[in-house]
Amino acid sequence: MRLFFKTIKNFIRETDKILFLLCAVTSAFGCVSVLSATLWSASEGSKVTRDFLVMLFAVCAGLTIALIISLIDYEFIIKMAPLIGLFCIGIMIITLLFGVGPAERPDAKTWLKIGNTGIFFQPSEIVKIGFIITFGVHLEKLKGNINHIFSIIQLAIHALIPIALVTISGDMGSALVFIIIAIAMLFVAGLHWGYFLGGGLLLLASLPLAWIYVLDDIQKDRFLALIYPEQYPNIIYQQERGLAAIGGGGITGQGLFKGKLTQIPNAIPEAENDMIFTVIGEELGLIGCIAALLLLTGIIIRIIRTGRHDKIGNTKVMCYGVASMIAGQVIINIGMCLMLLPVIGITLPFFSAGGSSNLCIYFSIGLIMSFYRYNQQNEFIHVSQSNIYNPFADI
């Protein structure tokens, strides 16, 4: 019994309690926002909705999974990197063969339907985590030689595999997130700025080709709608309604569950998903928006802090990979809601409805907590050894 309590005590001491609490509070905020966004769809006499229950289950399961992953030895995760990479490629190929798309994009293949359960899973969400692990391990193996041309070729191929697979599936939003993750990890790993400059120029030069051969008509219309909104009223409608909701919230908002647009069925399409930030803006106002951003910023800073306190240099790039994934999605999603960017199907981490995104984000949090625990153990061992008296030290 004494050993059991000692184990629990050590686990609590080594766990990043602040990060865990920040995530739990942010997800609770998100669950309430989703409930408000979907309250109009609740059955008569009910005060909960299906989207809320699905998200609540995903969050509870995610918090549990994060704790379990945090117990896994960091070195075991590193050894599993090749299998993780094969799994990610395999599940994306299965998605390309048997996947389905949303109602407005029936030709896309971004979701897997699990039997006849009516449950859908978006594989690209878990592949993001797998990419961070495998790319981080790859960068560590090339440490010291990262700026050699053959290393650049290897890393470019590594990054292009998931980017190509999700692009072919029709998920341009996830492809953009993968690019952000790869750039951030390469930067932290010490890639020379000249390669970033060259890559940026190559990207600019390839934009016309991407416009012609990669983007479909719907994706092109979403870009054009930002420039010529009067010519694409059906395309821009969602963003215009969302922006009107944010503007109507003012400083303090119209009150939780009292948003004039939020509480009207389908007044803001996908309000519980891509446009959840507009719900926060309308019902909780500028104060609510700032609170949401502060919570997300706190999570990102905490993850970066874990990377900066890395004791052996192996986990730093992965921490920055997770931080860039969350930060990138936050910037893109809010840019969509403010009509600064086109709608490309990127959710707001911890806030948007959906089991896949909420469950998978906690896989990454569990990974960070594992790194934190690993670093804490190494620090504790280092301190303990430094306190051992050496009678020969003064000789």
Protein backbone atom coordinates (compact mmCIF):
# COMPACT_ATOMS: atom_id res chain seq x y z
CA MET A 1 0.00 0.00 0.00
CA ARG A 2 2.89 2.33 0.83
CA LEU A 3 4.42 1.61 -2.59
CA PHE A 4 1.09 2.42 -4.28
CA PHE A 5 0.80 5.81 -2.58
CA LYS A 6 4.45 6.54 -3.33
CA THR A 7 3.83 5.77 -7.02
CA ILE A 8 0.80 8.09 -7.08
CA LYS A 9 2.80 10.81 -5.32
CA ASN A 10 5.63 10.53 -7.85
CA PHE A 11 3.16 10.61 -10.74
CA ILE A 12 1.50 13.78 -9.43
CA ARG A 13 4.89 15.39 -8.84
CA GLU A 14 6.13 14.55 -12.34
CA THR A 15 2.91 15.42 -14.24
CA ASP A 16 2.40 18.80 -15.88
CA LYS A 17 -0.63 19.68 -13.78
CA ILE A 18 -0.85 23.22 -15.19
CA LEU A 19 -1.08 22.03 -18.80
CA PHE A 20 -3.64 19.37 -17.89
CA LEU A 21 -5.76 21.91 -16.01
CA LEU A 22 -5.54 24.47 -18.83
CA CYS A 23 -6.71 21.88 -21.35
CA ALA A 24 -9.56 20.70 -19.12
CA VAL A 25 -10.81 24.27 -18.53
CA THR A 26 -10.51 25.16 -22.24
CA SER A 27 -12.42 22.02 -23.25
CA ALA A 28 -15.13 22.79 -20.68
CA PHE A 29 -15.45 26.26 -22.22
CA GLY A 30 -15.66 24.60 -25.63
CA CYS A 31 -18.35 22.14 -24.53
CA VAL A 32 -20.55 24.96 -23.23
CA SER A 33 -20.06 26.90 -26.48
CA VAL A 34 -21.03 23.86 -28.56
CA LEU A 35 -24.09 23.29 -26.38
CA SER A 36 -25.18 26.87 -26.99
CA ALA A 37 -24.51 26.62 -30.73
CA THR A 38 -26.67 23.50 -31.05
CA LEU A 39 -29.31 24.15 -28.38
CA TRP A 40 -31.94 24.85 -31.04
CA SER A 41 -31.58 21.24 -32.22
CA ALA A 42 -32.28 19.69 -28.80
CA SER A 43 -35.34 17.49 -28.59
CA GLU A 44 -38.36 18.90 -26.78
CA GLY A 45 -37.85 18.95 -23.03
CA SER A 46 -34.13 18.24 -23.33
CA LYS A 47 -31.36 20.64 -22.35
CA VAL A 48 -28.52 18.76 -24.10
CA THR A 49 -27.76 17.99 -27.74
CA ARG A 50 -26.06 15.15 -29.58
CA ASP A 51 -23.09 17.32 -30.61
CA PHE A 52 -22.58 18.36 -26.99
CA LEU A 53 -22.72 14.77 -25.72
CA VAL A 54 -20.31 13.55 -28.41
CA MET A 55 -17.86 16.32 -27.58
CA LEU A 56 -18.20 15.75 -23.83
CA PHE A 57 -17.49 12.04 -24.29
CA ALA A 58 -14.50 12.81 -26.55
CA VAL A 59 -13.07 15.29 -24.04
CA CYS A 60 -13.46 12.91 -21.08
CA ALA A 61 -11.93 10.06 -23.10
CA GLY A 62 -9.20 12.40 -24.32
CA LEU A 63 -8.24 13.54 -20.82
CA THR A 64 -8.01 9.90 -19.76
CA ILE A 65 -5.94 8.97 -22.81
CA ALA A 66 -3.61 11.94 -22.19
CA LEU A 67 -2.92 10.66 -18.67
CA ILE A 68 -2.29 7.13 -19.95
CA ILE A 69 0.06 8.31 -22.71
CA SER A 70 1.92 10.45 -20.17
CA LEU A 71 2.81 7.21 -18.36
CA ILE A 72 4.41 5.69 -21.46
CA ASP A 73 8.19 5.78 -21.50
CA TYR A 74 9.46 8.43 -23.90
CA GLU A 75 12.05 6.03 -25.34
CA PHE A 76 9.32 3.50 -26.17
CA ILE A 77 7.46 6.16 -28.17
CA ILE A 78 10.65 6.91 -30.11
CA LYS A 79 11.22 3.21 -30.87
CA MET A 80 7.67 2.94 -32.17
CA ALA A 81 8.18 5.77 -34.69
CA PRO A 82 8.60 3.47 -37.76
CA LEU A 83 5.39 1.60 -36.94
CA ILE A 84 3.59 4.89 -36.28
CA GLY A 85 4.69 6.13 -39.71
CA LEU A 86 3.47 2.95 -41.44
CA PHE A 87 0.15 3.18 -39.59
CA CYS A 88 -0.34 6.80 -40.71
CA ILE A 89 0.38 6.00 -44.35
CA GLY A 90 -1.86 2.93 -44.17
CA ILE A 91 -4.85 4.72 -42.67
CA MET A 92 -4.60 7.54 -45.23
CA ILE A 93 -4.53 5.02 -48.10
CA ILE A 94 -7.60 3.32 -46.63
CA THR A 95 -9.27 6.73 -46.43
CA LEU A 96 -8.48 7.43 -50.08
CA LEU A 97 -10.04 4.08 -51.04
CA PHE A 98 -13.08 3.98 -48.75
CA GLY A 99 -13.45 7.48 -47.31
CA VAL A 100 -16.40 9.81 -47.68
CA GLY A 101 -16.66 13.59 -47.90
CA PRO A 102 -18.98 16.19 -46.39
CA ALA A 103 -22.32 17.00 -48.01
CA GLU A 104 -20.93 20.00 -49.90
CA ARG A 105 -17.88 18.00 -51.07
CA PRO A 106 -19.13 14.49 -51.97
CA ASP A 107 -16.08 13.96 -54.18
CA ALA A 108 -13.69 14.41 -51.23
CA LYS A 109 -12.50 11.48 -49.13
CA THR A 110 -11.68 12.91 -45.74
CA TRP A 111 -13.71 10.78 -43.33
CA LEU A 112 -13.96 7.07 -42.51
CA LYS A 113 -17.34 5.69 -41.54
CA ILE A 114 -17.11 3.15 -38.74
CA GLY A 115 -19.48 0.36 -39.75
CA ASN A 116 -23.19 1.10 -39.40
CA THR A 117 -22.74 3.04 -36.18
CA GLY A 118 -23.20 6.43 -37.79
CA ILE A 119 -19.82 7.45 -36.33
CA PHE A 120 -17.26 9.14 -38.57
CA PHE A 121 -13.54 9.55 -37.94
CA GLN A 122 -11.16 11.98 -39.66
CA PRO A 123 -7.80 10.16 -40.04
CA SER A 124 -5.83 13.32 -40.86
CA GLU A 125 -6.23 14.40 -37.21
CA ILE A 126 -4.31 11.41 -35.82
CA VAL A 127 -1.84 11.51 -38.74
CA LYS A 128 -0.80 15.02 -37.62
CA ILE A 129 0.39 13.54 -34.32
CA GLY A 130 2.11 10.65 -36.06
CA PHE A 131 3.89 13.08 -38.37
CA ILE A 132 5.16 15.15 -35.43
CA ILE A 133 6.63 12.02 -33.82
CA THR A 134 8.22 10.55 -36.96
CA PHE A 135 9.50 13.88 -38.28
CA GLY A 136 10.95 14.70 -34.86
CA VAL A 137 12.79 11.36 -34.74
CA HIS A 138 14.04 11.90 -38.29
CA LEU A 139 15.35 15.36 -37.42
CA GLU A 140 17.15 13.97 -34.38
CA LYS A 141 18.86 11.32 -36.49
CA LEU A 142 20.09 13.99 -38.90
CA LYS A 143 21.22 16.27 -36.08
CA GLY A 144 24.44 18.01 -37.07
CA ASN A 145 23.90 17.23 -40.75
CA ILE A 146 20.52 18.87 -41.23
CA ASN A 147 21.85 21.47 -43.68
CA HIS A 148 23.41 18.91 -46.01
CA ILE A 149 21.57 18.61 -49.31
CA PHE A 150 20.90 14.87 -48.91
CA SER A 151 19.36 15.52 -45.50
CA ILE A 152 17.12 18.20 -47.01
CA ILE A 153 15.97 15.77 -49.71
CA GLN A 154 15.12 13.12 -47.10
CA LEU A 155 13.20 15.55 -44.93
CA ALA A 156 11.36 17.03 -47.92
CA ILE A 157 10.19 13.57 -49.01
CA HIS A 158 9.16 12.77 -45.42
CA ALA A 159 7.03 15.92 -45.20
CA LEU A 160 5.57 15.64 -48.70
CA ILE A 161 4.13 12.15 -48.10
CA PRO A 162 1.39 13.19 -45.63
CA ILE A 163 0.90 16.55 -47.38
CA ALA A 164 0.30 14.78 -50.70
CA LEU A 165 -2.01 12.17 -49.18
CA VAL A 166 -4.29 14.69 -47.44
CA THR A 167 -4.26 16.96 -50.50
CA ILE A 168 -5.40 14.10 -52.74
CA SER A 169 -8.15 13.31 -50.24
CA GLY A 170 -9.44 16.86 -50.67
CA ASP A 171 -8.43 18.18 -47.24
CA MET A 172 -6.49 21.31 -48.16
CA GLY A 173 -6.86 22.71 -44.66
CA SER A 174 -4.99 19.80 -43.07
CA ALA A 175 -2.34 20.00 -45.81
CA LEU A 176 -1.69 23.62 -44.80
CA VAL A 177 -1.39 22.60 -41.14
CA PHE A 178 1.16 19.90 -42.06
CA ILE A 179 3.22 22.55 -43.88
CA ILE A 180 3.11 24.82 -40.82
CA ILE A 181 4.22 21.96 -38.55
CA ALA A 182 7.09 20.98 -40.85
CA ILE A 183 8.35 24.57 -41.18
CA ALA A 184 8.26 25.13 -37.41
CA MET A 185 10.09 21.88 -36.63
CA LEU A 186 12.74 22.52 -39.29
CA PHE A 187 13.29 26.04 -37.94
CA VAL A 188 13.72 24.84 -34.36
CA ALA A 189 16.02 22.02 -35.53
CA GLY A 190 18.39 24.61 -36.99
CA LEU A 191 17.78 24.55 -40.73
CA HIS A 192 19.61 27.43 -42.43
CA TRP A 193 17.43 30.43 -43.31
CA GLY A 194 18.50 30.18 -46.94
CA TYR A 195 16.48 27.01 -47.39
CA PHE A 196 13.37 28.76 -46.04
CA LEU A 197 13.92 31.61 -48.48
CA GLY A 198 14.36 29.20 -51.37
CA GLY A 199 11.33 27.19 -50.32
CA GLY A 200 9.22 30.34 -50.03
CA LEU A 201 10.20 31.49 -53.52
CA LEU A 202 9.48 28.02 -54.91
CA LEU A 203 6.08 28.06 -53.22
CA LEU A 204 5.23 31.45 -54.71
CA ALA A 205 6.28 30.27 -58.16
CA SER A 206 4.09 27.16 -57.86
CA LEU A 207 0.92 29.02 -56.81
CA PRO A 208 -0.39 29.40 -60.39
CA LEU A 209 0.05 25.67 -60.95
CA ALA A 210 -1.67 24.89 -57.64
CA TRP A 211 -4.57 27.16 -58.64
CA ILE A 212 -5.00 25.35 -61.96
CA TYR A 213 -4.26 21.73 -61.06
CA VAL A 214 -4.75 21.33 -57.29
CA LEU A 215 -7.70 23.48 -56.20
CA ASP A 216 -11.19 22.45 -57.30
CA ASP A 217 -13.94 24.90 -58.25
CA ILE A 218 -15.39 25.17 -54.72
CA GLN A 219 -11.99 25.95 -53.21
CA LYS A 220 -11.30 28.58 -55.86
CA ASP A 221 -14.70 30.18 -55.25
CA ARG A 222 -13.95 30.49 -51.53
CA PHE A 223 -10.83 32.54 -52.30
CA LEU A 224 -12.59 34.67 -54.88
CA ALA A 225 -15.53 35.29 -52.55
CA LEU A 226 -13.27 37.22 -50.17
CA ILE A 227 -12.29 39.57 -53.00
CA TYR A 228 -15.66 39.77 -54.78
CA PRO A 229 -18.25 38.96 -52.08
CA GLU A 230 -21.13 40.41 -54.11
CA GLN A 231 -20.45 37.88 -56.88
CA TYR A 232 -20.47 34.87 -54.55
CA PRO A 233 -23.33 35.48 -52.10
CA ASN A 234 -23.91 31.78 -51.39
CA ILE A 235 -20.22 31.12 -50.76
CA ILE A 236 -19.58 34.10 -48.48
CA TYR A 237 -22.90 33.83 -46.61
CA GLN A 238 -21.46 31.71 -43.79
CA GLN A 239 -18.61 34.11 -43.08
CA GLU A 240 -20.78 37.22 -43.37
CA ARG A 241 -23.27 35.80 -40.87
CA GLY A 242 -20.44 34.82 -38.55
CA LEU A 243 -18.84 38.25 -38.70
CA ALA A 244 -22.23 39.86 -38.03
CA ALA A 245 -22.61 37.65 -34.96
CA ILE A 246 -19.20 38.67 -33.61
CA GLY A 247 -19.98 42.33 -34.22
CA GLY A 248 -23.35 41.98 -32.51
CA GLY A 249 -21.71 40.69 -29.35
CA GLY A 250 -19.97 43.94 -28.51
CA ILE A 251 -17.83 44.01 -25.39
CA THR A 252 -19.82 41.79 -23.03
CA GLY A 253 -21.96 39.79 -25.46
CA GLN A 254 -25.68 39.11 -25.64
CA GLY A 255 -25.54 36.46 -22.95
CA LEU A 256 -24.89 32.71 -22.95
CA PHE A 257 -27.64 30.81 -24.82
CA LYS A 258 -29.11 34.17 -25.89
CA GLY A 259 -27.33 34.96 -29.15
CA LYS A 260 -29.79 36.34 -31.72
CA LEU A 261 -28.11 34.54 -34.62
CA THR A 262 -26.65 31.61 -32.70
CA GLN A 263 -30.03 30.49 -31.44
CA ILE A 264 -31.70 30.61 -34.88
CA PRO A 265 -31.48 27.23 -36.68
CA ASN A 266 -28.70 27.29 -39.31
CA ALA A 267 -28.45 31.09 -39.26
CA ILE A 268 -24.69 30.53 -39.08
CA PRO A 269 -23.85 27.30 -40.96
CA GLU A 270 -21.50 25.00 -39.01
CA ALA A 271 -21.62 27.31 -35.99
CA GLU A 272 -20.65 24.43 -33.71
CA ASN A 273 -17.65 23.46 -35.85
CA ASP A 274 -15.66 25.84 -38.05
CA MET A 275 -17.51 28.93 -36.81
CA ILE A 276 -17.57 28.27 -33.06
CA PHE A 277 -15.56 31.45 -32.45
CA THR A 278 -18.51 33.47 -33.78
CA VAL A 279 -20.73 31.90 -31.11
CA ILE A 280 -18.30 32.98 -28.41
CA GLY A 281 -18.12 36.47 -29.90
CA GLU A 282 -21.87 36.95 -30.10
CA GLU A 283 -22.85 35.52 -26.72
CA LEU A 284 -19.82 36.40 -24.59
CA GLY A 285 -18.50 39.38 -26.53
CA LEU A 286 -14.96 40.65 -26.74
CA ILE A 287 -14.35 39.50 -23.17
CA GLY A 288 -15.26 35.93 -24.07
CA CYS A 289 -13.07 36.01 -27.18
CA ILE A 290 -10.10 37.27 -25.21
CA ALA A 291 -10.67 34.62 -22.53
CA ALA A 292 -10.69 31.88 -25.20
CA LEU A 293 -7.52 33.23 -26.80
CA LEU A 294 -5.76 33.54 -23.43
CA LEU A 295 -6.54 29.92 -22.61
CA LEU A 296 -5.26 28.73 -26.00
CA THR A 297 -2.17 30.92 -25.68
CA GLY A 298 -1.52 29.51 -22.20
CA ILE A 299 -1.61 25.96 -23.59
CA ILE A 300 0.76 26.84 -26.42
CA ILE A 301 3.20 28.62 -24.08
CA ARG A 302 3.14 25.69 -21.66
CA ILE A 303 3.96 23.26 -24.49
CA ILE A 304 6.82 25.47 -25.69
CA ARG A 305 8.09 25.69 -22.12
CA THR A 306 8.31 21.91 -21.98
CA GLY A 307 10.37 21.96 -25.17
CA ARG A 308 12.69 24.67 -23.86
CA HIS A 309 13.34 22.66 -20.69
CA ASP A 310 14.27 19.55 -22.64
CA LYS A 311 17.28 17.94 -20.94
CA ILE A 312 18.70 15.91 -23.83
CA GLY A 313 17.47 17.70 -26.96
CA ASN A 314 15.25 14.91 -28.31
CA THR A 315 11.84 16.27 -27.38
CA LYS A 316 12.26 19.95 -28.17
CA VAL A 317 11.33 19.84 -31.87
CA MET A 318 8.29 17.65 -31.17
CA CYS A 319 7.02 20.08 -28.54
CA TYR A 320 7.34 22.92 -31.01
CA GLY A 321 5.60 20.75 -33.60
CA VAL A 322 2.56 20.33 -31.34
CA ALA A 323 2.61 24.02 -30.41
CA SER A 324 2.75 25.06 -34.08
CA MET A 325 -0.09 22.66 -34.92
CA ILE A 326 -2.37 24.24 -32.33
CA ALA A 327 -1.25 27.80 -33.08
CA GLY A 328 -1.63 27.30 -36.83
CA GLN A 329 -5.16 25.98 -36.48
CA VAL A 330 -6.11 28.82 -34.14
CA ILE A 331 -4.83 31.46 -36.57
CA ILE A 332 -6.48 29.86 -39.61
CA ASN A 333 -9.82 29.27 -37.86
CA ILE A 334 -10.11 32.77 -36.45
CA GLY A 335 -8.97 34.19 -39.78
CA MET A 336 -11.88 32.34 -41.38
CA CYS A 337 -14.36 33.70 -38.83
CA LEU A 338 -13.11 37.27 -39.37
CA MET A 339 -13.27 36.92 -43.18
CA LEU A 340 -9.52 37.32 -43.48
CA LEU A 341 -9.03 33.81 -44.84
CA PRO A 342 -11.26 31.49 -46.90
CA VAL A 343 -13.18 28.67 -45.24
CA ILE A 344 -10.96 25.58 -45.50
CA GLY A 345 -12.44 23.32 -42.85
CA ILE A 346 -10.05 23.90 -39.95
CA THR A 347 -11.52 23.55 -36.46
CA LEU A 348 -10.66 25.65 -33.42
CA PRO A 349 -8.71 23.34 -31.07
CA PHE A 350 -10.51 22.45 -27.82
CA PHE A 351 -13.58 24.46 -28.88
CA SER A 352 -15.07 23.09 -32.09
CA ALA A 353 -17.47 20.16 -31.95
CA GLY A 354 -16.38 16.76 -33.20
CA GLY A 355 -15.05 13.58 -31.66
CA SER A 356 -12.03 13.16 -33.96
CA SER A 357 -10.46 16.56 -33.42
CA ASN A 358 -11.12 16.66 -29.68
CA LEU A 359 -9.92 13.11 -29.07
CA CYS A 360 -6.79 13.41 -31.20
CA ILE A 361 -5.72 16.75 -29.73
CA TYR A 362 -5.38 14.95 -26.40
CA PHE A 363 -3.06 12.38 -27.96
CA SER A 364 -0.68 15.28 -28.57
CA ILE A 365 -1.22 16.62 -25.04
CA GLY A 366 -0.45 13.18 -23.63
CA LEU A 367 2.73 13.16 -25.70
CA ILE A 368 3.79 16.52 -24.27
CA MET A 369 2.98 15.36 -20.74
CA SER A 370 5.13 12.27 -21.34
CA PHE A 371 8.02 14.52 -22.39
CA TYR A 372 7.47 16.73 -19.35
CA ARG A 373 7.47 13.72 -17.04
CA TYR A 374 10.59 12.34 -18.71
CA ASN A 375 12.40 15.66 -18.24
CA GLN A 376 11.25 15.92 -14.64
CA GLN A 377 12.62 12.46 -13.90
CA ASN A 378 15.97 13.35 -15.48
CA GLU A 379 16.11 16.61 -13.53
CA PHE A 380 15.29 14.78 -10.28
CA ILE A 381 18.03 12.21 -10.93
CA HIS A 382 20.51 14.96 -11.82
CA VAL A 383 19.75 16.89 -8.63
CA SER A 384 19.95 13.74 -6.51
CA GLN A 385 23.34 12.79 -7.97
CA SER A 386 24.69 16.31 -7.52
CA ASN A 387 23.83 16.13 -3.80
CA ILE A 388 25.85 12.94 -3.24
CA TYR A 389 29.00 13.70 -1.28
CA ASN A 390 32.19 12.80 -3.13
CA PRO A 391 35.15 12.50 -0.69
CA PHE A 392 37.63 12.68 -3.58
CA ALA A 393 36.19 15.87 -5.12
CA ASP A 394 38.66 18.12 -3.24
CA ILE A 395 41.73 16.01 -3.84
